[in-house]
N, C-alpha and C. Protein backbone atom coordinates (compact mmCIF):
# COMPACT_ATOMS: atom_id res chain seq x y z
N MET A 1 144.35 147.98 264.45
CA MET A 1 143.66 148.07 263.19
C MET A 1 144.65 148.12 262.02
N ILE A 2 145.67 148.94 262.15
CA ILE A 2 146.66 149.07 261.08
C ILE A 2 147.89 148.27 261.49
N ASP A 3 148.40 147.49 260.59
CA ASP A 3 149.62 146.71 260.84
C ASP A 3 149.45 145.82 262.08
N GLY A 4 148.27 145.23 262.22
CA GLY A 4 148.03 144.33 263.35
C GLY A 4 148.06 145.02 264.70
N GLY A 5 147.84 146.31 264.72
CA GLY A 5 147.85 147.06 265.98
C GLY A 5 149.23 147.39 266.48
N ASN A 6 150.24 147.23 265.64
CA ASN A 6 151.63 147.48 266.04
C ASN A 6 152.12 148.89 265.71
N ARG A 7 151.24 149.79 265.41
CA ARG A 7 151.65 151.16 265.06
C ARG A 7 151.36 152.08 266.23
N SER A 8 152.17 153.10 266.34
CA SER A 8 152.04 154.04 267.44
C SER A 8 152.50 155.42 266.99
N THR A 9 152.16 156.42 267.75
CA THR A 9 152.65 157.77 267.47
C THR A 9 153.97 158.03 268.18
N GLN A 10 154.42 157.09 268.97
CA GLN A 10 155.68 157.22 269.72
C GLN A 10 156.84 157.52 268.77
N GLY A 11 157.56 158.61 269.02
CA GLY A 11 158.72 158.96 268.22
C GLY A 11 158.40 159.50 266.84
N ARG A 12 157.15 159.83 266.59
CA ARG A 12 156.75 160.34 265.27
C ARG A 12 156.31 161.80 265.38
N LEU A 13 156.47 162.52 264.30
CA LEU A 13 156.02 163.91 264.25
C LEU A 13 154.52 163.94 263.97
N VAL A 14 153.77 164.39 264.94
CA VAL A 14 152.31 164.41 264.80
C VAL A 14 151.85 165.87 264.85
N PRO A 15 151.32 166.37 263.74
CA PRO A 15 150.83 167.75 263.75
C PRO A 15 149.49 167.84 264.46
N SER A 16 149.18 169.02 264.92
CA SER A 16 147.86 169.26 265.51
C SER A 16 147.30 170.55 264.92
N CYS A 17 145.98 170.64 264.92
CA CYS A 17 145.35 171.86 264.44
C CYS A 17 144.04 172.07 265.20
N LEU A 18 143.87 173.28 265.67
CA LEU A 18 142.64 173.70 266.30
C LEU A 18 141.93 174.59 265.28
N PHE A 19 140.78 174.16 264.83
CA PHE A 19 140.09 174.87 263.75
C PHE A 19 139.23 176.00 264.30
N ILE A 20 139.95 177.01 264.79
CA ILE A 20 139.33 178.26 265.23
C ILE A 20 139.59 179.27 264.12
N ASP A 21 139.29 180.51 264.34
CA ASP A 21 139.50 181.53 263.30
C ASP A 21 140.36 182.65 263.86
N PRO A 22 141.64 182.73 263.42
CA PRO A 22 142.31 181.88 262.44
C PRO A 22 142.71 180.53 263.06
N GLU A 23 143.04 179.59 262.20
CA GLU A 23 143.43 178.26 262.65
C GLU A 23 144.75 178.31 263.42
N LEU A 24 144.90 177.38 264.37
CA LEU A 24 146.13 177.27 265.17
C LEU A 24 146.68 175.87 264.95
N ALA A 25 147.85 175.78 264.31
CA ALA A 25 148.48 174.50 264.02
C ALA A 25 149.88 174.47 264.63
N HIS A 26 150.31 173.27 264.99
CA HIS A 26 151.63 173.13 265.61
C HIS A 26 152.21 171.76 265.28
N ILE A 27 153.55 171.72 265.21
CA ILE A 27 154.28 170.46 265.09
C ILE A 27 155.64 170.62 265.77
N GLY A 28 156.09 169.54 266.39
CA GLY A 28 157.43 169.55 266.98
C GLY A 28 157.50 170.25 268.32
N LEU A 29 158.69 170.81 268.60
CA LEU A 29 158.96 171.44 269.88
C LEU A 29 158.56 172.91 269.91
N THR A 30 158.20 173.38 271.09
CA THR A 30 158.01 174.82 271.29
C THR A 30 159.39 175.42 271.60
N GLU A 31 159.45 176.73 271.62
CA GLU A 31 160.70 177.41 271.95
C GLU A 31 161.20 176.99 273.33
N THR A 32 160.31 176.95 274.30
CA THR A 32 160.67 176.57 275.67
C THR A 32 161.16 175.13 275.73
N GLU A 33 160.45 174.22 275.06
CA GLU A 33 160.86 172.81 275.06
C GLU A 33 162.24 172.64 274.43
N ALA A 34 162.49 173.33 273.34
CA ALA A 34 163.80 173.23 272.67
C ALA A 34 164.91 173.72 273.59
N GLN A 35 164.68 174.82 274.29
CA GLN A 35 165.67 175.35 275.22
C GLN A 35 165.90 174.39 276.38
N GLN A 36 164.82 173.82 276.91
CA GLN A 36 164.92 172.88 278.03
C GLN A 36 165.69 171.62 277.63
N GLN A 37 165.62 171.26 276.35
CA GLN A 37 166.33 170.07 275.87
C GLN A 37 167.77 170.38 275.46
N GLY A 38 168.18 171.64 275.64
CA GLY A 38 169.57 172.01 275.42
C GLY A 38 169.94 172.40 274.00
N TYR A 39 168.97 172.60 273.15
CA TYR A 39 169.27 173.01 271.77
C TYR A 39 169.69 174.48 271.74
N ALA A 40 170.63 174.79 270.87
CA ALA A 40 170.94 176.17 270.54
C ALA A 40 169.99 176.49 269.39
N ILE A 41 169.15 177.50 269.57
CA ILE A 41 168.09 177.74 268.59
C ILE A 41 168.09 179.16 268.05
N ARG A 42 167.45 179.28 266.91
CA ARG A 42 167.08 180.58 266.35
C ARG A 42 165.58 180.53 266.15
N VAL A 43 164.94 181.66 266.38
CA VAL A 43 163.49 181.75 266.28
C VAL A 43 163.14 182.70 265.15
N ALA A 44 162.27 182.24 264.27
CA ALA A 44 161.80 183.07 263.16
C ALA A 44 160.32 183.36 263.38
N LYS A 45 159.93 184.60 263.13
CA LYS A 45 158.53 185.00 263.26
C LYS A 45 158.12 185.81 262.04
N LEU A 46 156.85 185.70 261.69
CA LEU A 46 156.30 186.46 260.56
C LEU A 46 154.84 186.77 260.84
N ASP A 47 154.48 188.03 260.76
CA ASP A 47 153.08 188.43 260.88
C ASP A 47 152.32 187.98 259.65
N ALA A 48 151.11 187.49 259.85
CA ALA A 48 150.29 187.03 258.73
C ALA A 48 150.00 188.16 257.75
N ARG A 49 149.97 189.38 258.22
CA ARG A 49 149.68 190.51 257.31
C ARG A 49 150.77 190.71 256.26
N ASP A 50 151.93 190.03 256.45
CA ASP A 50 153.02 190.12 255.48
C ASP A 50 152.95 189.05 254.39
N ILE A 51 151.92 188.19 254.46
CA ILE A 51 151.75 187.13 253.47
C ILE A 51 150.74 187.59 252.42
N MET A 52 151.15 187.62 251.16
CA MET A 52 150.31 188.16 250.10
C MET A 52 148.94 187.49 250.04
N ARG A 53 148.88 186.16 250.19
CA ARG A 53 147.59 185.46 250.12
C ARG A 53 146.68 185.86 251.27
N ALA A 54 147.23 186.08 252.43
CA ALA A 54 146.43 186.55 253.56
C ALA A 54 145.81 187.90 253.25
N VAL A 55 146.58 188.75 252.60
CA VAL A 55 146.09 190.08 252.22
C VAL A 55 144.97 189.95 251.19
N THR A 56 145.18 189.13 250.15
CA THR A 56 144.16 189.00 249.10
C THR A 56 142.88 188.36 249.62
N GLN A 57 142.99 187.56 250.69
CA GLN A 57 141.82 186.91 251.28
C GLN A 57 141.23 187.71 252.45
N SER A 58 141.83 188.86 252.75
CA SER A 58 141.43 189.67 253.91
C SER A 58 141.44 188.84 255.19
N GLN A 59 142.48 188.01 255.33
CA GLN A 59 142.66 187.13 256.49
C GLN A 59 144.04 187.38 257.10
N THR A 60 144.27 188.60 257.56
CA THR A 60 145.62 189.01 257.98
C THR A 60 145.90 188.87 259.47
N ASP A 61 144.97 188.32 260.23
CA ASP A 61 145.21 188.12 261.66
C ASP A 61 146.16 186.94 261.87
N GLY A 62 147.04 187.05 262.84
CA GLY A 62 147.87 185.93 263.23
C GLY A 62 149.34 186.06 262.91
N LEU A 63 150.04 184.94 263.09
CA LEU A 63 151.48 184.93 262.84
C LEU A 63 151.97 183.50 262.64
N MET A 64 153.20 183.42 262.14
CA MET A 64 153.91 182.15 261.98
C MET A 64 155.16 182.23 262.84
N LYS A 65 155.54 181.09 263.45
CA LYS A 65 156.74 181.05 264.28
C LYS A 65 157.41 179.70 264.09
N ALA A 66 158.72 179.71 263.93
CA ALA A 66 159.48 178.47 263.75
C ALA A 66 160.71 178.47 264.64
N ILE A 67 161.07 177.28 265.09
CA ILE A 67 162.24 177.07 265.92
C ILE A 67 163.23 176.23 265.12
N VAL A 68 164.46 176.73 264.97
CA VAL A 68 165.47 176.07 264.15
C VAL A 68 166.72 175.78 264.99
N ASP A 69 167.25 174.59 264.84
CA ASP A 69 168.49 174.18 265.49
C ASP A 69 169.65 174.88 264.77
N THR A 70 170.41 175.71 265.48
CA THR A 70 171.51 176.46 264.84
C THR A 70 172.63 175.54 264.37
N GLU A 71 172.79 174.40 265.01
CA GLU A 71 173.87 173.49 264.66
C GLU A 71 173.60 172.75 263.34
N THR A 72 172.37 172.25 263.18
CA THR A 72 172.06 171.41 262.01
C THR A 72 171.25 172.14 260.94
N GLY A 73 170.60 173.24 261.32
CA GLY A 73 169.71 173.93 260.39
C GLY A 73 168.35 173.26 260.26
N ARG A 74 168.11 172.23 261.06
CA ARG A 74 166.82 171.53 260.99
C ARG A 74 165.75 172.27 261.79
N ILE A 75 164.53 172.14 261.31
CA ILE A 75 163.38 172.73 261.99
C ILE A 75 163.02 171.83 263.16
N LEU A 76 163.00 172.41 264.36
CA LEU A 76 162.64 171.65 265.56
C LEU A 76 161.15 171.75 265.87
N GLY A 77 160.54 172.85 265.46
CA GLY A 77 159.12 173.03 265.73
C GLY A 77 158.58 174.22 264.98
N CYS A 78 157.27 174.24 264.84
CA CYS A 78 156.62 175.34 264.13
C CYS A 78 155.20 175.50 264.65
N SER A 79 154.82 176.74 264.90
CA SER A 79 153.46 177.07 265.31
C SER A 79 152.91 178.11 264.36
N LEU A 80 151.71 177.87 263.89
CA LEU A 80 151.07 178.78 262.94
C LEU A 80 149.70 179.18 263.47
N LEU A 81 149.47 180.45 263.60
CA LEU A 81 148.16 180.98 263.94
C LEU A 81 147.79 181.88 262.77
N CYS A 82 147.15 181.29 261.77
CA CYS A 82 146.85 182.05 260.56
C CYS A 82 145.84 181.30 259.69
N HIS A 83 145.35 181.99 258.71
CA HIS A 83 144.45 181.41 257.72
C HIS A 83 145.12 180.18 257.11
N GLU A 84 144.40 179.07 257.01
CA GLU A 84 144.86 177.82 256.40
C GLU A 84 146.07 177.18 257.10
N ALA A 85 146.25 177.46 258.38
CA ALA A 85 147.38 176.89 259.13
C ALA A 85 147.38 175.37 259.08
N GLY A 86 146.21 174.77 259.12
CA GLY A 86 146.12 173.32 259.08
C GLY A 86 146.66 172.72 257.80
N GLU A 87 146.60 173.45 256.72
CA GLU A 87 147.15 173.00 255.44
C GLU A 87 148.66 173.28 255.38
N VAL A 88 149.05 174.44 255.80
CA VAL A 88 150.46 174.87 255.70
C VAL A 88 151.37 174.02 256.58
N ILE A 89 150.88 173.60 257.76
CA ILE A 89 151.73 172.85 258.68
C ILE A 89 152.20 171.54 258.07
N SER A 90 151.44 170.98 257.14
CA SER A 90 151.83 169.73 256.49
C SER A 90 153.11 169.88 255.68
N THR A 91 153.30 171.04 255.09
CA THR A 91 154.53 171.29 254.33
C THR A 91 155.73 171.30 255.27
N VAL A 92 155.57 171.94 256.41
CA VAL A 92 156.64 171.97 257.40
C VAL A 92 156.92 170.54 257.91
N GLN A 93 155.86 169.79 258.13
CA GLN A 93 156.00 168.41 258.61
C GLN A 93 156.84 167.57 257.64
N MET A 94 156.59 167.69 256.36
CA MET A 94 157.33 166.90 255.38
C MET A 94 158.83 167.22 255.41
N VAL A 95 159.16 168.50 255.54
CA VAL A 95 160.57 168.91 255.60
C VAL A 95 161.21 168.38 256.88
N MET A 96 160.47 168.43 257.99
CA MET A 96 160.99 167.92 259.25
C MET A 96 161.19 166.40 259.17
N GLN A 97 160.24 165.68 258.62
CA GLN A 97 160.36 164.23 258.51
C GLN A 97 161.54 163.82 257.63
N ALA A 98 161.78 164.58 256.60
CA ALA A 98 162.90 164.28 255.69
C ALA A 98 164.24 164.74 256.26
N GLN A 99 164.20 165.40 257.43
CA GLN A 99 165.39 165.92 258.10
C GLN A 99 166.20 166.86 257.21
N MET A 100 165.48 167.63 256.43
CA MET A 100 166.10 168.63 255.57
C MET A 100 166.26 169.94 256.35
N PRO A 101 167.18 170.78 255.97
CA PRO A 101 167.36 172.07 256.66
C PRO A 101 166.24 173.04 256.29
N TYR A 102 166.07 174.04 257.14
CA TYR A 102 165.05 175.06 256.92
C TYR A 102 165.23 175.78 255.58
N THR A 103 166.44 175.78 255.05
CA THR A 103 166.72 176.49 253.81
C THR A 103 165.92 175.93 252.63
N VAL A 104 165.47 174.68 252.75
CA VAL A 104 164.62 174.09 251.70
C VAL A 104 163.34 174.93 251.55
N LEU A 105 162.79 175.37 252.67
CA LEU A 105 161.58 176.20 252.62
C LEU A 105 161.91 177.66 252.35
N ARG A 106 163.04 178.11 252.86
CA ARG A 106 163.44 179.50 252.61
C ARG A 106 163.69 179.75 251.13
N ASP A 107 164.36 178.80 250.48
CA ASP A 107 164.80 179.01 249.11
C ASP A 107 163.91 178.36 248.05
N GLY A 108 162.94 177.57 248.48
CA GLY A 108 162.07 176.89 247.52
C GLY A 108 161.16 177.86 246.78
N ILE A 109 160.81 177.50 245.57
CA ILE A 109 159.85 178.29 244.81
C ILE A 109 158.48 177.68 245.06
N LEU A 110 157.68 178.38 245.85
CA LEU A 110 156.36 177.90 246.23
C LEU A 110 155.29 178.66 245.44
N THR A 111 154.16 178.02 245.25
CA THR A 111 153.07 178.60 244.46
C THR A 111 152.68 179.98 244.98
N HIS A 112 152.51 180.93 244.07
CA HIS A 112 152.16 182.31 244.42
C HIS A 112 150.78 182.65 243.85
N PRO A 113 149.94 183.28 244.59
CA PRO A 113 150.01 183.58 246.02
C PRO A 113 149.29 182.49 246.82
N THR A 114 149.98 181.90 247.77
CA THR A 114 149.38 180.93 248.68
C THR A 114 149.86 181.22 250.09
N MET A 115 149.15 180.67 251.06
CA MET A 115 149.60 180.82 252.44
C MET A 115 150.91 180.06 252.65
N THR A 116 151.08 178.95 251.96
CA THR A 116 152.33 178.19 252.08
C THR A 116 153.52 179.01 251.65
N GLU A 117 153.33 179.91 250.71
CA GLU A 117 154.41 180.78 250.27
C GLU A 117 154.95 181.63 251.42
N GLY A 118 154.14 181.83 252.43
CA GLY A 118 154.59 182.56 253.61
C GLY A 118 155.78 181.90 254.30
N LEU A 119 155.95 180.58 254.06
CA LEU A 119 157.09 179.88 254.64
C LEU A 119 158.41 180.40 254.08
N ASN A 120 158.42 180.84 252.82
CA ASN A 120 159.62 181.47 252.26
C ASN A 120 160.06 182.64 253.13
N MET A 121 159.10 183.49 253.44
CA MET A 121 159.40 184.70 254.21
C MET A 121 159.69 184.37 255.67
N LEU A 122 158.93 183.43 256.24
CA LEU A 122 159.18 183.04 257.64
C LEU A 122 160.61 182.56 257.81
N PHE A 123 161.05 181.64 256.95
CA PHE A 123 162.39 181.08 257.12
C PHE A 123 163.49 182.01 256.61
N SER A 124 163.12 183.09 255.95
CA SER A 124 164.11 184.13 255.63
C SER A 124 164.46 184.94 256.88
N ASN A 125 163.64 184.81 257.91
CA ASN A 125 163.85 185.53 259.16
C ASN A 125 164.69 184.75 260.17
N VAL A 126 165.20 183.59 259.79
CA VAL A 126 166.02 182.79 260.70
C VAL A 126 167.38 183.47 260.86
């Protein structure tokens, strides 16, 4: 249908989201997959209750988790179980596609208060 049928998801970052409550979104490698592929990794975690927007929305269940390559600083994978995870994962996807280091999200000035702002705190835990 697109490009004469010559397009595929092969070799592309494809996010997924399960629209449960809270939402469960994922992109890239899991911690286990990264280790099996021989990456030296750091794991960052953040409870949703530490995100200001989650608190203001009374949606504090869940967590954020990211896997970062210690050698390059690139994000290898991210799993989000939190309010608006399906929206937030797209921000992580863009950084991964651009092959930028996690510090782009750690140090970026993101809209306050939003769930995406939680990425600042998540990547501060790397």
